[in-house]
């Protein structure tokens, strides 16, 4: 074997042949006259001793790093982070919708039912989904979709819109997302039309949902589902976020609140049983909501922008610091 100085020279030469000249480990083994496992060990040693420093020079490298951090911390199967740049919120949502459409369209040959929630993020997903013939698919609303305003954000309209784009069929949930009281909700659930669609929703292959902050810039308040009194009540109950209009606490657990008893739609435990739940969310006002939502373990795929992702991981670091 070589002396120490000779060992280092060989190590550097192996690194240059591998990283700069593109030779395979087997080719280098022939050039140097040693076995391929020795070449592998020399390359590993070069990295350990910082003779070789590997970094990725690409504008998407930082987003990939954020994706991996979030996946590791929360145990999410897949995270997609897009660069926000200087885009306005509408354009960011459009980008995230396009990413969700691309992610799901790749899985379409192997699935038969897609569940659709409601809201601005889900609207962007539907709008960005490509026109193509996928008539084996059936689209199912996951929450009631009747109302007087912002009809384009409602689940029934979004389900119909997606079905039209792919020349497929869809169901309709003939009920509002939130009833005036739980008694009226129970009466509606006795209808086979409504109960049957909710059962369909429990058996979709993929659920597409938004993730909201019910007490700050809430779309539910904007369209009239929540009154100012409702928002105040949710604040007092420490509601931190909502999935499919189901409110949850800081630990991602369903909130024990009367409003949750009035929602006509899939609950959080129903979503947990769906093979893949895709959540789309962005905005600094949603960082704590996202943190708790990801802790719930319900979300398998999370799509966001780099500003939100960076703030999310900073929030995680702050939490660790506080615990220490």
C-alpha atoms as a PDB file:
ATOM      1  CA  UNK A   1       0.000   0.000   0.000  1.00  0.00           C
ATOM      2  CA  UNK A   2       0.967   3.663  -0.320  1.00  0.00           C
ATOM      3  CA  UNK A   3       2.681   5.885   2.222  1.00  0.00           C
ATOM      4  CA  UNK A   4       0.573   8.678   3.823  1.00  0.00           C
ATOM      5  CA  UNK A   5       1.614  11.381   1.343  1.00  0.00           C
ATOM      6  CA  UNK A   6       1.156   9.001  -1.559  1.00  0.00           C
ATOM      7  CA  UNK A   7      -2.249   7.984  -0.218  1.00  0.00           C
ATOM      8  CA  UNK A   8      -3.391  11.594  -0.292  1.00  0.00           C
ATOM      9  CA  UNK A   9      -2.087  12.130  -3.808  1.00  0.00           C
ATOM     10  CA  UNK A  10      -3.963   9.048  -5.020  1.00  0.00           C
ATOM     11  CA  UNK A  11      -7.097  10.211  -3.224  1.00  0.00           C
ATOM     12  CA  UNK A  12      -6.961  13.615  -4.949  1.00  0.00           C
ATOM     13  CA  UNK A  13      -6.291  11.998  -8.312  1.00  0.00           C
ATOM     14  CA  UNK A  14      -9.237   9.645  -7.882  1.00  0.00           C
ATOM     15  CA  UNK A  15     -11.466  12.601  -6.966  1.00  0.00           C
ATOM     16  CA  UNK A  16     -10.391  14.542 -10.050  1.00  0.00           C
ATOM     17  CA  UNK A  17     -10.940  11.575 -12.349  1.00  0.00           C
ATOM     18  CA  UNK A  18     -14.384  10.988 -10.876  1.00  0.00           C
ATOM     19  CA  UNK A  19     -15.755  14.515 -10.406  1.00  0.00           C
ATOM     20  CA  UNK A  20     -13.971  16.500 -13.116  1.00  0.00           C
ATOM     21  CA  UNK A  21     -13.373  14.002 -15.898  1.00  0.00           C
ATOM     22  CA  UNK A  22     -16.496  11.881 -15.406  1.00  0.00           C
ATOM     23  CA  UNK A  23     -14.875   8.447 -15.182  1.00  0.00           C
ATOM     24  CA  UNK A  24     -16.794   5.663 -13.467  1.00  0.00           C
ATOM     25  CA  UNK A  25     -15.405   4.012 -10.346  1.00  0.00           C
ATOM     26  CA  UNK A  26     -14.695   0.843 -12.355  1.00  0.00           C
ATOM     27  CA  UNK A  27     -12.727   2.816 -14.969  1.00  0.00           C
ATOM     28  CA  UNK A  28     -10.708   4.588 -12.264  1.00  0.00           C
ATOM     29  CA  UNK A  29      -9.947   1.273 -10.599  1.00  0.00           C
ATOM     30  CA  UNK A  30      -8.327   0.089 -13.843  1.00  0.00           C
ATOM     31  CA  UNK A  31      -6.384   3.351 -14.241  1.00  0.00           C
ATOM     32  CA  UNK A  32      -5.050   3.320 -10.672  1.00  0.00           C
ATOM     33  CA  UNK A  33      -4.646  -0.455 -10.512  1.00  0.00           C
ATOM     34  CA  UNK A  34      -6.750  -1.170  -7.443  1.00  0.00           C
ATOM     35  CA  UNK A  35     -10.175  -2.685  -6.786  1.00  0.00           C
ATOM     36  CA  UNK A  36     -13.405  -0.696  -7.212  1.00  0.00           C
ATOM     37  CA  UNK A  37     -14.251  -0.870  -3.438  1.00  0.00           C
ATOM     38  CA  UNK A  38     -10.955   0.914  -2.704  1.00  0.00           C
ATOM     39  CA  UNK A  39     -11.933   3.677  -5.170  1.00  0.00           C
ATOM     40  CA  UNK A  40     -15.277   4.001  -3.387  1.00  0.00           C
ATOM     41  CA  UNK A  41     -13.534   4.325  -0.027  1.00  0.00           C
ATOM     42  CA  UNK A  42     -11.121   6.955  -1.382  1.00  0.00           C
ATOM     43  CA  UNK A  43     -14.012   9.030  -2.727  1.00  0.00           C
ATOM     44  CA  UNK A  44     -15.774   8.797   0.636  1.00  0.00           C
ATOM     45  CA  UNK A  45     -12.551   9.818   2.395  1.00  0.00           C
ATOM     46  CA  UNK A  46     -12.170  12.797   0.055  1.00  0.00           C
ATOM     47  CA  UNK A  47     -15.611  14.031   1.089  1.00  0.00           C
ATOM     48  CA  UNK A  48     -14.980  13.385   4.795  1.00  0.00           C
ATOM     49  CA  UNK A  49     -11.724  15.346   4.731  1.00  0.00           C
ATOM     50  CA  UNK A  50     -13.284  18.189   2.698  1.00  0.00           C
ATOM     51  CA  UNK A  51     -10.940  17.568  -0.200  1.00  0.00           C
ATOM     52  CA  UNK A  52     -14.177  17.481  -2.179  1.00  0.00           C
ATOM     53  CA  UNK A  53     -17.126  19.737  -1.331  1.00  0.00           C
ATOM     54  CA  UNK A  54     -20.324  18.976  -3.192  1.00  0.00           C
ATOM     55  CA  UNK A  55     -23.009  21.589  -3.709  1.00  0.00           C
ATOM     56  CA  UNK A  56     -25.769  22.060  -6.220  1.00  0.00           C
ATOM     57  CA  UNK A  57     -25.629  25.247  -8.249  1.00  0.00           C
ATOM     58  CA  UNK A  58     -29.201  25.725  -9.345  1.00  0.00           C
ATOM     59  CA  UNK A  59     -31.932  28.225  -8.484  1.00  0.00           C
ATOM     60  CA  UNK A  60     -34.186  25.394  -7.291  1.00  0.00           C
ATOM     61  CA  UNK A  61     -31.610  23.954  -4.876  1.00  0.00           C
ATOM     62  CA  UNK A  62     -32.905  25.947  -1.901  1.00  0.00           C
ATOM     63  CA  UNK A  63     -36.495  24.885  -2.532  1.00  0.00           C
ATOM     64  CA  UNK A  64     -35.459  21.229  -2.702  1.00  0.00           C
ATOM     65  CA  UNK A  65     -33.652  21.674   0.604  1.00  0.00           C
ATOM     66  CA  UNK A  66     -36.822  23.134   2.153  1.00  0.00           C
ATOM     67  CA  UNK A  67     -38.857  20.237   0.767  1.00  0.00           C
ATOM     68  CA  UNK A  68     -36.551  17.713   2.394  1.00  0.00           C
ATOM     69  CA  UNK A  69     -36.521  19.572   5.723  1.00  0.00           C
ATOM     70  CA  UNK A  70     -40.325  19.623   5.901  1.00  0.00           C
ATOM     71  CA  UNK A  71     -40.610  15.986   4.809  1.00  0.00           C
ATOM     72  CA  UNK A  72     -38.169  14.888   7.504  1.00  0.00           C
ATOM     73  CA  UNK A  73     -39.621  17.003  10.296  1.00  0.00           C
ATOM     74  CA  UNK A  74     -43.300  16.213   9.757  1.00  0.00           C
ATOM     75  CA  UNK A  75     -43.042  12.794   8.124  1.00  0.00           C
ATOM     76  CA  UNK A  76     -44.903  14.011   5.027  1.00  0.00           C
ATOM     77  CA  UNK A  77     -44.567  11.702   2.032  1.00  0.00           C
ATOM     78  CA  UNK A  78     -43.928  14.485  -0.490  1.00  0.00           C
ATOM     79  CA  UNK A  79     -43.489  18.252  -0.240  1.00  0.00           C
ATOM     80  CA  UNK A  80     -43.375  20.558  -3.255  1.00  0.00           C
ATOM     81  CA  UNK A  81     -41.949  24.045  -2.705  1.00  0.00           C
ATOM     82  CA  UNK A  82     -41.984  26.649  -5.479  1.00  0.00           C
ATOM     83  CA  UNK A  83     -39.991  29.912  -5.569  1.00  0.00           C
ATOM     84  CA  UNK A  84     -42.282  32.859  -4.864  1.00  0.00           C
ATOM     85  CA  UNK A  85     -39.955  35.538  -6.282  1.00  0.00           C
ATOM     86  CA  UNK A  86     -41.826  38.856  -6.406  1.00  0.00           C
ATOM     87  CA  UNK A  87     -45.141  37.407  -7.543  1.00  0.00           C
ATOM     88  CA  UNK A  88     -48.427  38.636  -6.094  1.00  0.00           C
ATOM     89  CA  UNK A  89     -50.604  36.184  -4.105  1.00  0.00           C
ATOM     90  CA  UNK A  90     -52.866  35.472  -7.097  1.00  0.00           C
ATOM     91  CA  UNK A  91     -49.904  34.431  -9.241  1.00  0.00           C
ATOM     92  CA  UNK A  92     -48.435  32.359  -6.411  1.00  0.00           C
ATOM     93  CA  UNK A  93     -51.723  30.478  -6.044  1.00  0.00           C
ATOM     94  CA  UNK A  94     -51.762  29.936  -9.796  1.00  0.00           C
ATOM     95  CA  UNK A  95     -48.245  28.447  -9.636  1.00  0.00           C
ATOM     96  CA  UNK A  96     -49.162  26.184  -6.729  1.00  0.00           C
ATOM     97  CA  UNK A  97     -52.330  25.085  -8.519  1.00  0.00           C
ATOM     98  CA  UNK A  98     -50.279  24.187 -11.562  1.00  0.00           C
ATOM     99  CA  UNK A  99     -47.857  22.169  -9.411  1.00  0.00           C
ATOM    100  CA  UNK A 100     -50.773  20.300  -7.808  1.00  0.00           C
ATOM    101  CA  UNK A 101     -52.295  19.632 -11.236  1.00  0.00           C
ATOM    102  CA  UNK A 102     -48.993  18.261 -12.514  1.00  0.00           C
ATOM    103  CA  UNK A 103     -48.532  16.078  -9.437  1.00  0.00           C
ATOM    104  CA  UNK A 104     -52.014  14.581  -9.608  1.00  0.00           C
ATOM    105  CA  UNK A 105     -52.244  14.222 -13.398  1.00  0.00           C
ATOM    106  CA  UNK A 106     -49.270  11.824 -13.281  1.00  0.00           C
ATOM    107  CA  UNK A 107     -51.260   9.516 -10.998  1.00  0.00           C
ATOM    108  CA  UNK A 108     -54.511   9.611 -12.961  1.00  0.00           C
ATOM    109  CA  UNK A 109     -53.917   6.384 -14.941  1.00  0.00           C
ATOM    110  CA  UNK A 110     -53.853   4.460 -11.651  1.00  0.00           C
ATOM    111  CA  UNK A 111     -56.825   6.023  -9.833  1.00  0.00           C
ATOM    112  CA  UNK A 112     -60.581   6.275 -10.368  1.00  0.00           C
ATOM    113  CA  UNK A 113     -61.884   8.968  -7.975  1.00  0.00           C
ATOM    114  CA  UNK A 114     -60.653  12.441  -7.035  1.00  0.00           C
ATOM    115  CA  UNK A 115     -62.200  14.326  -4.122  1.00  0.00           C
ATOM    116  CA  UNK A 116     -62.458  18.111  -4.303  1.00  0.00           C
ATOM    117  CA  UNK A 117     -62.763  20.493  -1.372  1.00  0.00           C
ATOM    118  CA  UNK A 118     -63.273  24.212  -1.924  1.00  0.00           C
ATOM    119  CA  UNK A 119     -61.539  27.595  -1.688  1.00  0.00           C
ATOM    120  CA  UNK A 120     -59.020  29.696  -3.573  1.00  0.00           C
ATOM    121  CA  UNK A 121     -56.189  27.163  -3.606  1.00  0.00           C
ATOM    122  CA  UNK A 122     -58.418  24.335  -4.844  1.00  0.00           C
ATOM    123  CA  UNK A 123     -59.873  26.711  -7.441  1.00  0.00           C
ATOM    124  CA  UNK A 124     -56.350  27.331  -8.765  1.00  0.00           C
ATOM    125  CA  UNK A 125     -55.731  23.587  -8.978  1.00  0.00           C
ATOM    126  CA  UNK A 126     -58.878  23.072 -11.049  1.00  0.00           C
ATOM    127  CA  UNK A 127     -58.133  26.053 -13.299  1.00  0.00           C
ATOM    128  CA  UNK A 128     -54.602  24.839 -13.980  1.00  0.00           C
ATOM    129  CA  UNK A 129     -55.558  21.223 -14.597  1.00  0.00           C
ATOM    130  CA  UNK A 130     -54.939  20.392 -18.286  1.00  0.00           C
ATOM    131  CA  UNK A 131     -57.741  19.674 -20.738  1.00  0.00           C
ATOM    132  CA  UNK A 132     -57.520  15.982 -21.574  1.00  0.00           C
ATOM    133  CA  UNK A 133     -59.783  12.982 -21.892  1.00  0.00           C
ATOM    134  CA  UNK A 134     -59.792  11.076 -18.608  1.00  0.00           C
ATOM    135  CA  UNK A 135     -63.313   9.697 -18.664  1.00  0.00           C
ATOM    136  CA  UNK A 136     -62.477   6.812 -16.330  1.00  0.00           C
ATOM    137  CA  UNK A 137     -62.267   9.343 -13.474  1.00  0.00           C
ATOM    138  CA  UNK A 138     -65.137  10.391 -11.255  1.00  0.00           C
ATOM    139  CA  UNK A 139     -64.990  13.670  -9.313  1.00  0.00           C
ATOM    140  CA  UNK A 140     -66.559  13.913  -5.856  1.00  0.00           C
ATOM    141  CA  UNK A 141     -67.149  17.062  -3.751  1.00  0.00           C
ATOM    142  CA  UNK A 142     -65.846  16.572  -0.218  1.00  0.00           C
ATOM    143  CA  UNK A 143     -67.938  19.292   1.376  1.00  0.00           C
ATOM    144  CA  UNK A 144     -71.261  20.997   0.787  1.00  0.00           C
ATOM    145  CA  UNK A 145     -71.176  23.525  -2.011  1.00  0.00           C
ATOM    146  CA  UNK A 146     -74.246  25.718  -2.052  1.00  0.00           C
ATOM    147  CA  UNK A 147     -74.253  29.431  -1.267  1.00  0.00           C
ATOM    148  CA  UNK A 148     -75.077  32.919  -2.451  1.00  0.00           C
ATOM    149  CA  UNK A 149     -71.617  34.353  -3.176  1.00  0.00           C
ATOM    150  CA  UNK A 150     -68.220  33.326  -4.519  1.00  0.00           C
ATOM    151  CA  UNK A 151     -69.867  30.414  -6.293  1.00  0.00           C
ATOM    152  CA  UNK A 152     -66.721  29.683  -8.299  1.00  0.00           C
ATOM    153  CA  UNK A 153     -64.992  28.625  -5.055  1.00  0.00           C
ATOM    154  CA  UNK A 154     -67.649  26.102  -4.022  1.00  0.00           C
ATOM    155  CA  UNK A 155     -66.974  22.371  -4.203  1.00  0.00           C
ATOM    156  CA  UNK A 156     -69.878  21.498  -6.512  1.00  0.00           C
ATOM    157  CA  UNK A 157     -68.844  24.106  -9.084  1.00  0.00           C
ATOM    158  CA  UNK A 158     -65.192  23.065  -8.848  1.00  0.00           C
ATOM    159  CA  UNK A 159     -66.100  19.380  -9.226  1.00  0.00           C
ATOM    160  CA  UNK A 160     -68.208  20.139 -12.294  1.00  0.00           C
ATOM    161  CA  UNK A 161     -65.493  22.345 -13.772  1.00  0.00           C
ATOM    162  CA  UNK A 162     -62.837  19.648 -13.381  1.00  0.00           C
ATOM    163  CA  UNK A 163     -65.146  16.958 -14.764  1.00  0.00           C
ATOM    164  CA  UNK A 164     -65.835  19.105 -17.829  1.00  0.00           C
ATOM    165  CA  UNK A 165     -62.116  19.660 -18.438  1.00  0.00           C
ATOM    166  CA  UNK A 166     -61.375  15.934 -18.462  1.00  0.00           C
ATOM    167  CA  UNK A 167     -64.656  14.792 -20.018  1.00  0.00           C
ATOM    168  CA  UNK A 168     -65.609  12.743 -16.967  1.00  0.00           C
ATOM    169  CA  UNK A 169     -68.473  12.487 -14.479  1.00  0.00           C
ATOM    170  CA  UNK A 170     -69.008  14.098 -11.091  1.00  0.00           C
ATOM    171  CA  UNK A 171     -71.332  13.946  -8.124  1.00  0.00           C
ATOM    172  CA  UNK A 172     -73.133  16.871  -6.474  1.00  0.00           C
ATOM    173  CA  UNK A 173     -73.522  17.488  -2.774  1.00  0.00           C
ATOM    174  CA  UNK A 174     -76.811  19.368  -2.505  1.00  0.00           C
ATOM    175  CA  UNK A 175     -76.138  21.083   0.795  1.00  0.00           C
ATOM    176  CA  UNK A 176     -74.266  24.121   2.100  1.00  0.00           C
ATOM    177  CA  UNK A 177     -70.869  23.627   3.684  1.00  0.00           C
ATOM    178  CA  UNK A 178     -72.200  24.726   7.043  1.00  0.00           C
ATOM    179  CA  UNK A 179     -75.707  24.450   8.425  1.00  0.00           C
ATOM    180  CA  UNK A 180     -77.340  26.881  10.855  1.00  0.00           C
ATOM    181  CA  UNK A 181     -77.483  24.200  13.524  1.00  0.00           C
ATOM    182  CA  UNK A 182     -76.521  20.563  14.090  1.00  0.00           C
ATOM    183  CA  UNK A 183     -80.142  19.377  14.185  1.00  0.00           C
ATOM    184  CA  UNK A 184     -80.760  20.595  10.647  1.00  0.00           C
ATOM    185  CA  UNK A 185     -77.514  18.951   9.572  1.00  0.00           C
ATOM    186  CA  UNK A 186     -78.654  15.586  10.937  1.00  0.00           C
ATOM    187  CA  UNK A 187     -81.937  15.914   9.075  1.00  0.00           C
ATOM    188  CA  UNK A 188     -80.112  16.553   5.808  1.00  0.00           C
ATOM    189  CA  UNK A 189     -77.773  13.623   6.401  1.00  0.00           C
ATOM    190  CA  UNK A 190     -80.794  11.345   6.486  1.00  0.00           C
ATOM    191  CA  UNK A 191     -81.218  12.096   2.783  1.00  0.00           C
ATOM    192  CA  UNK A 192     -79.716   9.319   0.678  1.00  0.00           C
ATOM    193  CA  UNK A 193     -78.555  11.858  -1.925  1.00  0.00           C
ATOM    194  CA  UNK A 194     -76.395  13.685   0.606  1.00  0.00           C
ATOM    195  CA  UNK A 195     -75.328  10.680   2.687  1.00  0.00           C
ATOM    196  CA  UNK A 196     -74.419   8.746  -0.469  1.00  0.00           C
ATOM    197  CA  UNK A 197     -72.130  11.464  -1.812  1.00  0.00           C
ATOM    198  CA  UNK A 198     -70.336  11.754   1.537  1.00  0.00           C
ATOM    199  CA  UNK A 199     -69.791   7.995   1.460  1.00  0.00           C
ATOM    200  CA  UNK A 200     -68.350   8.377  -2.042  1.00  0.00           C
ATOM    201  CA  UNK A 201     -66.015  11.034  -0.686  1.00  0.00           C
ATOM    202  CA  UNK A 202     -64.692   8.646   1.941  1.00  0.00           C
ATOM    203  CA  UNK A 203     -63.622   6.289  -0.844  1.00  0.00           C
ATOM    204  CA  UNK A 204     -61.749   8.629  -3.183  1.00  0.00           C
ATOM    205  CA  UNK A 205     -58.163   7.831  -4.151  1.00  0.00           C
ATOM    206  CA  UNK A 206     -56.911  11.396  -3.801  1.00  0.00           C
ATOM    207  CA  UNK A 207     -58.394  14.322  -1.859  1.00  0.00           C
ATOM    208  CA  UNK A 208     -57.437  17.881  -2.821  1.00  0.00           C
ATOM    209  CA  UNK A 209     -57.909  20.369   0.009  1.00  0.00           C
ATOM    210  CA  UNK A 210     -56.897  23.842   1.049  1.00  0.00           C
ATOM    211  CA  UNK A 211     -55.576  24.616   4.500  1.00  0.00           C
ATOM    212  CA  UNK A 212     -56.878  27.752   6.167  1.00  0.00           C
ATOM    213  CA  UNK A 213     -56.514  30.069   9.092  1.00  0.00           C
ATOM    214  CA  UNK A 214     -60.078  30.556  10.344  1.00  0.00           C
ATOM    215  CA  UNK A 215     -59.302  33.579  12.521  1.00  0.00           C
ATOM    216  CA  UNK A 216     -57.130  35.678  10.202  1.00  0.00           C
ATOM    217  CA  UNK A 217     -57.996  36.590   6.600  1.00  0.00           C
ATOM    218  CA  UNK A 218     -60.474  33.717   6.515  1.00  0.00           C
ATOM    219  CA  UNK A 219     -62.124  32.887   3.197  1.00  0.00           C
ATOM    220  CA  UNK A 220     -64.966  31.325   5.191  1.00  0.00           C
ATOM    221  CA  UNK A 221     -65.634  34.682   6.813  1.00  0.00           C
ATOM    222  CA  UNK A 222     -65.193  36.465   3.487  1.00  0.00           C
ATOM    223  CA  UNK A 223     -67.944  34.480   1.764  1.00  0.00           C
ATOM    224  CA  UNK A 224     -70.286  34.548   4.757  1.00  0.00           C
ATOM    225  CA  UNK A 225     -69.984  31.043   6.219  1.00  0.00           C
ATOM    226  CA  UNK A 226     -68.488  32.484   9.411  1.00  0.00           C
ATOM    227  CA  UNK A 227     -69.823  35.547  11.201  1.00  0.00           C
ATOM    228  CA  UNK A 228     -67.635  37.869  13.231  1.00  0.00           C
ATOM    229  CA  UNK A 229     -69.123  36.196  16.323  1.00  0.00           C
ATOM    230  CA  UNK A 230     -68.082  32.782  14.977  1.00  0.00           C
ATOM    231  CA  UNK A 231     -64.532  34.000  14.417  1.00  0.00           C
ATOM    232  CA  UNK A 232     -64.392  35.434  17.929  1.00  0.00           C
ATOM    233  CA  UNK A 233     -65.661  32.136  19.324  1.00  0.00           C
ATOM    234  CA  UNK A 234     -63.005  30.192  17.391  1.00  0.00           C
ATOM    235  CA  UNK A 235     -60.321  32.512  18.736  1.00  0.00           C
ATOM    236  CA  UNK A 236     -61.502  31.911  22.304  1.00  0.00           C
ATOM    237  CA  UNK A 237     -61.381  28.167  21.649  1.00  0.00           C
ATOM    238  CA  UNK A 238     -57.802  28.468  20.315  1.00  0.00           C
ATOM    239  CA  UNK A 239     -58.642  27.275  16.814  1.00  0.00           C
ATOM    240  CA  UNK A 240     -55.456  27.382  14.781  1.00  0.00           C
ATOM    241  CA  UNK A 241     -56.499  26.085  11.343  1.00  0.00           C
ATOM    242  CA  UNK A 242     -59.007  24.180   9.262  1.00  0.00           C
ATOM    243  CA  UNK A 243     -58.940  21.342   6.736  1.00  0.00           C
ATOM    244  CA  UNK A 244     -62.039  20.933   4.583  1.00  0.00           C
ATOM    245  CA  UNK A 245     -63.661  23.467   6.970  1.00  0.00           C
ATOM    246  CA  UNK A 246     -63.008  21.243   9.975  1.00  0.00           C
ATOM    247  CA  UNK A 247     -61.363  23.332  12.695  1.00  0.00           C
ATOM    248  CA  UNK A 248     -58.399  21.998  14.648  1.00  0.00           C
ATOM    249  CA  UNK A 249     -56.154  23.026  17.541  1.00  0.00           C
ATOM    250  CA  UNK A 250     -52.425  23.651  17.866  1.00  0.00           C
ATOM    251  CA  UNK A 251     -51.747  19.900  17.924  1.00  0.00           C
ATOM    252  CA  UNK A 252     -53.698  19.248  14.739  1.00  0.00           C
ATOM    253  CA  UNK A 253     -56.555  17.614  16.664  1.00  0.00           C
ATOM    254  CA  UNK A 254     -60.202  18.318  15.722  1.00  0.00           C
ATOM    255  CA  UNK A 255     -61.540  21.124  17.863  1.00  0.00           C
ATOM    256  CA  UNK A 256     -64.398  20.435  20.261  1.00  0.00           C
ATOM    257  CA  UNK A 257     -66.505  23.323  18.974  1.00  0.00           C
ATOM    258  CA  UNK A 258     -70.172  23.596  17.894  1.00  0.00           C
ATOM    259  CA  UNK A 259     -69.144  24.840  14.433  1.00  0.00           C
ATOM    260  CA  UNK A 260     -67.511  21.493  13.670  1.00  0.00           C
ATOM    261  CA  UNK A 261     -70.868  19.851  14.347  1.00  0.00           C
ATOM    262  CA  UNK A 262     -72.529  21.992  11.683  1.00  0.00           C
ATOM    263  CA  UNK A 263     -70.236  21.193   8.745  1.00  0.00           C
ATOM    264  CA  UNK A 264     -71.534  18.899   6.010  1.00  0.00           C
ATOM    265  CA  UNK A 265     -68.424  17.305   4.632  1.00  0.00           C
ATOM    266  CA  UNK A 266     -65.665  14.814   5.302  1.00  0.00           C
ATOM    267  CA  UNK A 267     -64.150  15.118   8.764  1.00  0.00           C
ATOM    268  CA  UNK A 268     -60.456  14.987   9.565  1.00  0.00           C
ATOM    269  CA  UNK A 269     -60.573  11.287  10.412  1.00  0.00           C
ATOM    270  CA  UNK A 270     -62.265  10.618   7.083  1.00  0.00           C
ATOM    271  CA  UNK A 271     -59.434  12.429   5.303  1.00  0.00           C
ATOM    272  CA  UNK A 272     -56.896  10.414   7.279  1.00  0.00           C
ATOM    273  CA  UNK A 273     -58.279   7.259   5.686  1.00  0.00           C
ATOM    274  CA  UNK A 274     -57.958   8.597   2.119  1.00  0.00           C
ATOM    275  CA  UNK A 275     -54.865   7.071   0.414  1.00  0.00           C
ATOM    276  CA  UNK A 276     -53.503  10.517  -0.472  1.00  0.00           C
ATOM    277  CA  UNK A 277     -54.587  13.913   0.838  1.00  0.00           C
ATOM    278  CA  UNK A 278     -52.984  16.808  -1.038  1.00  0.00           C
ATOM    279  CA  UNK A 279     -52.996  20.150   0.790  1.00  0.00           C
ATOM    280  CA  UNK A 280     -52.211  23.435  -0.971  1.00  0.00           C
ATOM    281  CA  UNK A 281     -51.476  26.473   1.213  1.00  0.00           C
ATOM    282  CA  UNK A 282     -49.414  29.642   1.208  1.00  0.00           C
ATOM    283  CA  UNK A 283     -49.120  32.848   3.209  1.00  0.00           C
ATOM    284  CA  UNK A 284     -47.321  33.946   6.336  1.00  0.00           C
ATOM    285  CA  UNK A 285     -50.654  34.232   8.141  1.00  0.00           C
ATOM    286  CA  UNK A 286     -51.044  30.468   7.718  1.00  0.00           C
ATOM    287  CA  UNK A 287     -47.676  29.332   9.089  1.00  0.00           C
ATOM    288  CA  UNK A 288     -49.037  28.217  12.480  1.00  0.00           C
ATOM    289  CA  UNK A 289     -52.076  26.675  10.769  1.00  0.00           C
ATOM    290  CA  UNK A 290     -49.805  24.715   8.414  1.00  0.00           C
ATOM    291  CA  UNK A 291     -47.559  23.621  11.284  1.00  0.00           C
ATOM    292  CA  UNK A 292     -50.480  22.171  13.224  1.00  0.00           C
ATOM    293  CA  UNK A 293     -52.107  20.746  10.078  1.00  0.00           C
ATOM    294  CA  UNK A 294     -48.946  18.858   9.148  1.00  0.00           C
ATOM    295  CA  UNK A 295     -48.630  17.594  12.729  1.00  0.00           C
ATOM    296  CA  UNK A 296     -52.054  15.968  12.358  1.00  0.00           C
ATOM    297  CA  UNK A 297     -50.549  13.295  10.092  1.00  0.00           C
ATOM    298  CA  UNK A 298     -53.465  13.618   7.673  1.00  0.00           C
ATOM    299  CA  UNK A 299     -51.586  15.361   4.860  1.00  0.00           C
ATOM    300  CA  UNK A 300     -49.533  13.122   2.576  1.00  0.00           C
ATOM    301  CA  UNK A 301     -48.560  15.746   0.002  1.00  0.00           C
ATOM    302  CA  UNK A 302     -48.024  19.426   0.806  1.00  0.00           C
ATOM    303  CA  UNK A 303     -47.578  22.177  -1.789  1.00  0.00           C
ATOM    304  CA  UNK A 304     -46.447  25.700  -0.883  1.00  0.00           C
ATOM    305  CA  UNK A 305     -44.023  28.519  -1.790  1.00  0.00           C
ATOM    306  CA  UNK A 306     -40.513  29.098  -0.468  1.00  0.00           C
ATOM    307  CA  UNK A 307     -41.411  32.147   1.637  1.00  0.00           C
ATOM    308  CA  UNK A 308     -44.065  30.176   3.512  1.00  0.00           C
ATOM    309  CA  UNK A 309     -41.800  27.115   3.777  1.00  0.00           C
ATOM    310  CA  UNK A 310     -38.912  29.186   5.182  1.00  0.00           C
ATOM    311  CA  UNK A 311     -41.201  30.796   7.761  1.00  0.00           C
ATOM    312  CA  UNK A 312     -42.570  27.359   8.656  1.00  0.00           C
ATOM    313  CA  UNK A 313     -39.130  25.938   9.380  1.00  0.00           C
ATOM    314  CA  UNK A 314     -38.202  29.079  11.338  1.00  0.00           C
ATOM    315  CA  UNK A 315     -41.331  28.517  13.421  1.00  0.00           C
ATOM    316  CA  UNK A 316     -40.192  24.933  14.019  1.00  0.00           C
ATOM    317  CA  UNK A 317     -36.733  26.139  15.111  1.00  0.00           C
ATOM    318  CA  UNK A 318     -38.280  28.704  17.464  1.00  0.00           C
ATOM    319  CA  UNK A 319     -40.416  25.982  19.000  1.00  0.00           C
ATOM    320  CA  UNK A 320     -37.352  23.783  19.583  1.00  0.00           C
ATOM    321  CA  UNK A 321     -35.488  26.704  21.157  1.00  0.00           C
ATOM    322  CA  UNK A 322     -38.409  27.420  23.490  1.00  0.00           C
ATOM    323  CA  UNK A 323     -38.536  23.753  24.587  1.00  0.00           C
ATOM    324  CA  UNK A 324     -34.822  23.763  25.347  1.00  0.00           C
END
